[in-house]
Amino acid sequence: MTINLVAAIAGKALDGLFARQTATAQNVANAGSANFTPLRVSFEDALRAAAALHPGDTPASVLARVAGVAPRIDAPLPLASNTVRIDDEIATASETSARYAMLAGMLDRTMQIEKLAIGGG
């Protein structure tokens, strides 16, 4: 797996996490609103499938698949439980924030490695 592919996958994951942060913020802001439907964002399964290596794949073909992945707003939980639970939203926000920080750190280390490889140091 090339550094460019790792960076592309991480970049798409950051896009998905940003969309999830936004949805979570909207859910919390509208927690008391009548008839509000909580938002859910998914991207992990689509990103995992796009990044999977298949026989005959080239880095360019995998990059093209990864580039096509976009966060998706999903139907929320079953209609009967279509209310915002602040405790769930806080847990989602915390998990999303931790994943975001981990990915940002990984990208930073990847870029440092690339810089060292290019600079020969």
N, C-alpha and C. Protein backbone atom coordinates (compact mmCIF):
# COMPACT_ATOMS: atom_id res chain seq x y z
N MET A 1 0.86 -1.17 0.00
CA MET A 1 0.00 0.00 0.00
C MET A 1 0.90 1.23 0.00
N THR A 2 0.65 2.14 -0.92
CA THR A 2 1.48 3.33 -1.05
C THR A 2 1.07 4.39 -0.04
N ILE A 3 1.99 5.30 0.20
CA ILE A 3 1.70 6.40 1.12
C ILE A 3 0.54 7.24 0.59
N ASN A 4 0.47 7.42 -0.74
CA ASN A 4 -0.64 8.18 -1.32
C ASN A 4 -1.98 7.52 -1.03
N LEU A 5 -2.01 6.19 -1.10
CA LEU A 5 -3.25 5.47 -0.84
C LEU A 5 -3.62 5.57 0.64
N VAL A 6 -2.65 5.43 1.51
CA VAL A 6 -2.91 5.58 2.94
C VAL A 6 -3.46 6.98 3.24
N ALA A 7 -2.85 7.99 2.64
CA ALA A 7 -3.31 9.37 2.85
C ALA A 7 -4.72 9.57 2.30
N ALA A 8 -5.02 8.97 1.15
CA ALA A 8 -6.36 9.10 0.56
C ALA A 8 -7.41 8.44 1.44
N ILE A 9 -7.10 7.25 1.94
CA ILE A 9 -8.04 6.55 2.82
C ILE A 9 -8.26 7.35 4.11
N ALA A 10 -7.17 7.82 4.69
CA ALA A 10 -7.28 8.61 5.92
C ALA A 10 -8.04 9.91 5.67
N GLY A 11 -7.80 10.54 4.53
CA GLY A 11 -8.52 11.77 4.19
C GLY A 11 -10.02 11.54 4.07
N LYS A 12 -10.40 10.44 3.42
CA LYS A 12 -11.83 10.11 3.31
C LYS A 12 -12.43 9.79 4.68
N ALA A 13 -11.65 9.12 5.52
CA ALA A 13 -12.13 8.83 6.87
C ALA A 13 -12.34 10.13 7.65
N LEU A 14 -11.42 11.08 7.49
CA LEU A 14 -11.59 12.39 8.15
C LEU A 14 -12.84 13.10 7.64
N ASP A 15 -13.11 13.00 6.33
CA ASP A 15 -14.34 13.59 5.78
C ASP A 15 -15.57 12.97 6.44
N GLY A 16 -15.56 11.65 6.57
CA GLY A 16 -16.68 10.96 7.20
C GLY A 16 -16.85 11.34 8.66
N LEU A 17 -15.74 11.44 9.36
CA LEU A 17 -15.81 11.82 10.77
C LEU A 17 -16.29 13.26 10.94
N PHE A 18 -15.87 14.14 10.04
CA PHE A 18 -16.36 15.52 10.09
C PHE A 18 -17.87 15.56 9.87
N ALA A 19 -18.36 14.77 8.91
CA ALA A 19 -19.80 14.71 8.66
C ALA A 19 -20.53 14.17 9.89
N ARG A 20 -19.93 13.19 10.56
CA ARG A 20 -20.55 12.63 11.76
C ARG A 20 -20.57 13.67 12.89
N GLN A 21 -19.48 14.44 13.03
CA GLN A 21 -19.46 15.51 14.04
C GLN A 21 -20.57 16.52 13.78
N THR A 22 -20.75 16.88 12.53
CA THR A 22 -21.78 17.84 12.16
C THR A 22 -23.17 17.29 12.47
N ALA A 23 -23.41 16.03 12.12
CA ALA A 23 -24.71 15.41 12.39
C ALA A 23 -24.97 15.33 13.89
N THR A 24 -23.95 14.97 14.64
CA THR A 24 -24.10 14.88 16.10
C THR A 24 -24.43 16.24 16.69
N ALA A 25 -23.76 17.28 16.21
CA ALA A 25 -24.05 18.64 16.69
C ALA A 25 -25.49 19.04 16.38
N GLN A 26 -25.96 18.68 15.19
CA GLN A 26 -27.36 18.99 14.83
C GLN A 26 -28.32 18.21 15.71
N ASN A 27 -27.99 16.96 16.00
CA ASN A 27 -28.85 16.16 16.86
C ASN A 27 -28.96 16.78 18.25
N VAL A 28 -27.84 17.20 18.81
CA VAL A 28 -27.85 17.80 20.15
C VAL A 28 -28.61 19.13 20.12
N ALA A 29 -28.37 19.93 19.10
CA ALA A 29 -29.02 21.24 19.00
C ALA A 29 -30.54 21.11 18.87
N ASN A 30 -31.00 20.02 18.28
CA ASN A 30 -32.43 19.84 18.04
C ASN A 30 -33.05 18.81 18.97
N ALA A 31 -32.39 18.51 20.07
CA ALA A 31 -32.85 17.45 20.97
C ALA A 31 -34.28 17.67 21.47
N GLY A 32 -34.65 18.89 21.70
CA GLY A 32 -35.99 19.16 22.22
C GLY A 32 -37.01 19.52 21.16
N SER A 33 -36.61 19.50 19.90
CA SER A 33 -37.51 19.91 18.82
C SER A 33 -38.52 18.82 18.49
N ALA A 34 -39.76 19.24 18.33
CA ALA A 34 -40.80 18.29 17.95
C ALA A 34 -40.57 17.81 16.52
N ASN A 35 -40.81 16.54 16.30
CA ASN A 35 -40.73 15.92 14.97
C ASN A 35 -39.33 15.95 14.35
N PHE A 36 -38.30 16.18 15.16
CA PHE A 36 -36.93 16.14 14.62
C PHE A 36 -36.50 14.69 14.47
N THR A 37 -35.91 14.39 13.33
CA THR A 37 -35.39 13.05 13.08
C THR A 37 -33.88 13.08 13.26
N PRO A 38 -33.34 12.31 14.20
CA PRO A 38 -31.89 12.30 14.41
C PRO A 38 -31.15 11.85 13.15
N LEU A 39 -29.99 12.44 12.93
CA LEU A 39 -29.18 12.11 11.77
C LEU A 39 -28.13 11.08 12.16
N ARG A 40 -27.84 10.17 11.25
CA ARG A 40 -26.78 9.19 11.43
C ARG A 40 -25.94 9.21 10.17
N VAL A 41 -24.63 9.13 10.32
CA VAL A 41 -23.71 9.16 9.18
C VAL A 41 -22.96 7.84 9.13
N SER A 42 -22.87 7.26 7.94
CA SER A 42 -22.07 6.04 7.78
C SER A 42 -21.11 6.23 6.61
N PHE A 43 -19.95 5.64 6.76
CA PHE A 43 -18.96 5.68 5.69
C PHE A 43 -17.95 4.55 5.83
N GLU A 44 -17.83 3.97 7.02
CA GLU A 44 -16.79 2.99 7.28
C GLU A 44 -16.87 1.77 6.37
N ASP A 45 -18.07 1.19 6.22
CA ASP A 45 -18.20 -0.01 5.39
C ASP A 45 -17.87 0.28 3.93
N ALA A 46 -18.36 1.42 3.43
CA ALA A 46 -18.08 1.78 2.03
C ALA A 46 -16.59 2.04 1.83
N LEU A 47 -15.95 2.68 2.79
CA LEU A 47 -14.52 2.97 2.68
C LEU A 47 -13.71 1.67 2.77
N ARG A 48 -14.10 0.78 3.66
CA ARG A 48 -13.43 -0.51 3.79
C ARG A 48 -13.54 -1.30 2.49
N ALA A 49 -14.71 -1.33 1.90
CA ALA A 49 -14.90 -2.06 0.64
C ALA A 49 -14.10 -1.44 -0.49
N ALA A 50 -14.06 -0.12 -0.54
CA ALA A 50 -13.32 0.57 -1.60
C ALA A 50 -11.82 0.34 -1.47
N ALA A 51 -11.32 0.25 -0.25
CA ALA A 51 -9.88 0.10 -0.02
C ALA A 51 -9.42 -1.35 -0.10
N ALA A 52 -10.36 -2.28 -0.12
CA ALA A 52 -9.98 -3.70 -0.18
C ALA A 52 -9.24 -4.00 -1.48
N LEU A 53 -8.20 -4.79 -1.36
CA LEU A 53 -7.41 -5.15 -2.54
C LEU A 53 -7.99 -6.40 -3.19
N HIS A 54 -8.14 -6.34 -4.50
CA HIS A 54 -8.65 -7.45 -5.29
C HIS A 54 -7.59 -7.85 -6.30
N PRO A 55 -7.60 -9.11 -6.76
CA PRO A 55 -6.62 -9.51 -7.77
C PRO A 55 -6.68 -8.57 -8.98
N GLY A 56 -5.52 -8.14 -9.44
CA GLY A 56 -5.44 -7.27 -10.60
C GLY A 56 -5.54 -5.79 -10.29
N ASP A 57 -5.77 -5.45 -9.03
CA ASP A 57 -5.85 -4.03 -8.66
C ASP A 57 -4.50 -3.35 -8.83
N THR A 58 -4.56 -2.10 -9.19
CA THR A 58 -3.37 -1.25 -9.19
C THR A 58 -3.61 -0.17 -8.15
N PRO A 59 -2.55 0.50 -7.71
CA PRO A 59 -2.78 1.61 -6.78
C PRO A 59 -3.76 2.65 -7.34
N ALA A 60 -3.69 2.89 -8.65
CA ALA A 60 -4.59 3.87 -9.27
C ALA A 60 -6.05 3.41 -9.20
N SER A 61 -6.29 2.11 -9.40
CA SER A 61 -7.68 1.64 -9.36
C SER A 61 -8.25 1.71 -7.95
N VAL A 62 -7.42 1.41 -6.97
CA VAL A 62 -7.88 1.50 -5.58
C VAL A 62 -8.11 2.97 -5.21
N LEU A 63 -7.19 3.84 -5.62
CA LEU A 63 -7.36 5.28 -5.37
C LEU A 63 -8.66 5.80 -5.98
N ALA A 64 -8.98 5.33 -7.18
CA ALA A 64 -10.22 5.77 -7.84
C ALA A 64 -11.44 5.31 -7.05
N ARG A 65 -11.41 4.07 -6.55
CA ARG A 65 -12.55 3.59 -5.75
C ARG A 65 -12.68 4.39 -4.46
N VAL A 66 -11.54 4.62 -3.80
CA VAL A 66 -11.56 5.38 -2.54
C VAL A 66 -12.07 6.80 -2.78
N ALA A 67 -11.65 7.40 -3.89
CA ALA A 67 -12.08 8.77 -4.20
C ALA A 67 -13.59 8.87 -4.35
N GLY A 68 -14.24 7.78 -4.73
CA GLY A 68 -15.69 7.79 -4.93
C GLY A 68 -16.50 7.63 -3.66
N VAL A 69 -15.85 7.39 -2.54
CA VAL A 69 -16.57 7.19 -1.28
C VAL A 69 -16.94 8.55 -0.68
N ALA A 70 -18.19 8.65 -0.26
CA ALA A 70 -18.66 9.87 0.40
C ALA A 70 -19.49 9.47 1.62
N PRO A 71 -19.44 10.26 2.68
CA PRO A 71 -20.28 9.98 3.84
C PRO A 71 -21.76 9.97 3.43
N ARG A 72 -22.52 9.10 4.05
CA ARG A 72 -23.93 8.96 3.71
C ARG A 72 -24.78 9.22 4.96
N ILE A 73 -25.81 10.02 4.78
CA ILE A 73 -26.78 10.23 5.86
C ILE A 73 -27.73 9.04 5.81
N ASP A 74 -27.75 8.28 6.89
CA ASP A 74 -28.57 7.07 6.96
C ASP A 74 -29.90 7.36 7.64
N ALA A 75 -30.83 6.46 7.37
CA ALA A 75 -32.07 6.49 8.13
C ALA A 75 -31.69 6.22 9.58
N PRO A 76 -32.29 6.95 10.49
CA PRO A 76 -31.96 6.75 11.90
C PRO A 76 -32.52 5.44 12.42
N LEU A 77 -32.50 5.31 13.69
CA LEU A 77 -33.01 4.12 14.35
C LEU A 77 -34.48 3.91 14.00
N PRO A 78 -35.04 2.76 14.35
CA PRO A 78 -36.46 2.53 14.05
C PRO A 78 -37.33 3.69 14.53
N LEU A 79 -38.39 3.93 13.80
CA LEU A 79 -39.25 5.08 14.04
C LEU A 79 -39.71 5.19 15.50
N ALA A 80 -39.94 4.06 16.15
CA ALA A 80 -40.41 4.08 17.53
C ALA A 80 -39.38 4.70 18.47
N SER A 81 -38.11 4.60 18.11
CA SER A 81 -37.06 5.16 18.98
C SER A 81 -36.40 6.37 18.34
N ASN A 82 -37.19 7.13 17.60
CA ASN A 82 -36.68 8.25 16.82
C ASN A 82 -36.53 9.52 17.64
N THR A 83 -35.97 9.39 18.82
CA THR A 83 -35.73 10.56 19.65
C THR A 83 -34.23 10.71 19.88
N VAL A 84 -33.83 11.92 20.18
CA VAL A 84 -32.42 12.19 20.45
C VAL A 84 -32.16 11.88 21.92
N ARG A 85 -31.17 11.03 22.16
CA ARG A 85 -30.72 10.76 23.52
C ARG A 85 -29.38 11.45 23.69
N ILE A 86 -29.35 12.43 24.55
CA ILE A 86 -28.14 13.23 24.74
C ILE A 86 -26.96 12.35 25.15
N ASP A 87 -27.19 11.35 26.00
CA ASP A 87 -26.08 10.49 26.42
C ASP A 87 -25.47 9.74 25.24
N ASP A 88 -26.32 9.26 24.33
CA ASP A 88 -25.80 8.58 23.13
C ASP A 88 -25.05 9.55 22.23
N GLU A 89 -25.57 10.76 22.11
CA GLU A 89 -24.92 11.76 21.25
C GLU A 89 -23.56 12.18 21.82
N ILE A 90 -23.47 12.30 23.14
CA ILE A 90 -22.19 12.64 23.77
C ILE A 90 -21.19 11.51 23.57
N ALA A 91 -21.65 10.27 23.69
CA ALA A 91 -20.76 9.12 23.45
C ALA A 91 -20.28 9.11 22.00
N THR A 92 -21.19 9.38 21.07
CA THR A 92 -20.82 9.43 19.65
C THR A 92 -19.82 10.56 19.41
N ALA A 93 -20.06 11.71 20.00
CA ALA A 93 -19.15 12.85 19.83
C ALA A 93 -17.77 12.52 20.38
N SER A 94 -17.71 11.87 21.52
CA SER A 94 -16.44 11.52 22.14
C SER A 94 -15.68 10.51 21.28
N GLU A 95 -16.37 9.49 20.81
CA GLU A 95 -15.75 8.47 19.96
C GLU A 95 -15.26 9.09 18.64
N THR A 96 -16.07 9.93 18.06
CA THR A 96 -15.71 10.59 16.80
C THR A 96 -14.49 11.47 16.99
N SER A 97 -14.45 12.20 18.08
CA SER A 97 -13.32 13.08 18.36
C SER A 97 -12.03 12.27 18.54
N ALA A 98 -12.11 11.15 19.24
CA ALA A 98 -10.94 10.29 19.44
C ALA A 98 -10.44 9.73 18.11
N ARG A 99 -11.36 9.28 17.27
CA ARG A 99 -10.97 8.75 15.95
C ARG A 99 -10.35 9.85 15.09
N TYR A 100 -10.92 11.03 15.15
CA TYR A 100 -10.41 12.17 14.38
C TYR A 100 -8.97 12.48 14.80
N ALA A 101 -8.73 12.53 16.11
CA ALA A 101 -7.38 12.82 16.61
C ALA A 101 -6.40 11.73 16.22
N MET A 102 -6.83 10.47 16.28
CA MET A 102 -5.96 9.36 15.91
C MET A 102 -5.59 9.44 14.43
N LEU A 103 -6.56 9.72 13.57
CA LEU A 103 -6.28 9.82 12.14
C LEU A 103 -5.40 11.02 11.81
N ALA A 104 -5.63 12.13 12.47
CA ALA A 104 -4.79 13.30 12.23
C ALA A 104 -3.35 13.01 12.64
N GLY A 105 -3.16 12.32 13.76
CA GLY A 105 -1.83 11.93 14.20
C GLY A 105 -1.17 10.97 13.23
N MET A 106 -1.95 10.01 12.73
CA MET A 106 -1.41 9.05 11.77
C MET A 106 -0.98 9.75 10.48
N LEU A 107 -1.80 10.68 10.01
CA LEU A 107 -1.44 11.42 8.80
C LEU A 107 -0.18 12.25 9.02
N ASP A 108 -0.05 12.84 10.19
CA ASP A 108 1.14 13.62 10.51
C ASP A 108 2.39 12.73 10.47
N ARG A 109 2.30 11.56 11.10
CA ARG A 109 3.45 10.64 11.09
C ARG A 109 3.75 10.15 9.68
N THR A 110 2.71 9.89 8.89
CA THR A 110 2.92 9.44 7.51
C THR A 110 3.65 10.51 6.71
N MET A 111 3.24 11.75 6.88
CA MET A 111 3.90 12.84 6.15
C MET A 111 5.34 13.04 6.63
N GLN A 112 5.59 12.84 7.92
CA GLN A 112 6.96 12.93 8.42
C GLN A 112 7.84 11.84 7.81
N ILE A 113 7.31 10.63 7.70
CA ILE A 113 8.06 9.53 7.08
C ILE A 113 8.34 9.84 5.63
N GLU A 114 7.34 10.35 4.91
CA GLU A 114 7.53 10.71 3.51
C GLU A 114 8.59 11.80 3.37
N LYS A 115 8.55 12.78 4.25
CA LYS A 115 9.53 13.86 4.22
C LYS A 115 10.94 13.32 4.45
N LEU A 116 11.08 12.40 5.41
CA LEU A 116 12.38 11.79 5.66
C LEU A 116 12.86 10.97 4.47
N ALA A 117 11.93 10.24 3.85
CA ALA A 117 12.30 9.42 2.70
C ALA A 117 12.76 10.28 1.53
N ILE A 118 12.08 11.39 1.31
CA ILE A 118 12.44 12.28 0.21
C ILE A 118 13.74 13.01 0.52
N GLY A 119 13.89 13.46 1.76
CA GLY A 119 15.07 14.22 2.15
C GLY A 119 16.29 13.36 2.41
N GLY A 120 16.09 12.06 2.53
CA GLY A 120 17.21 11.16 2.77
C GLY A 120 17.75 11.22 4.18
N GLY A 121 16.98 11.78 5.10
CA GLY A 121 17.46 11.94 6.47
C GLY A 121 16.82 10.98 7.34
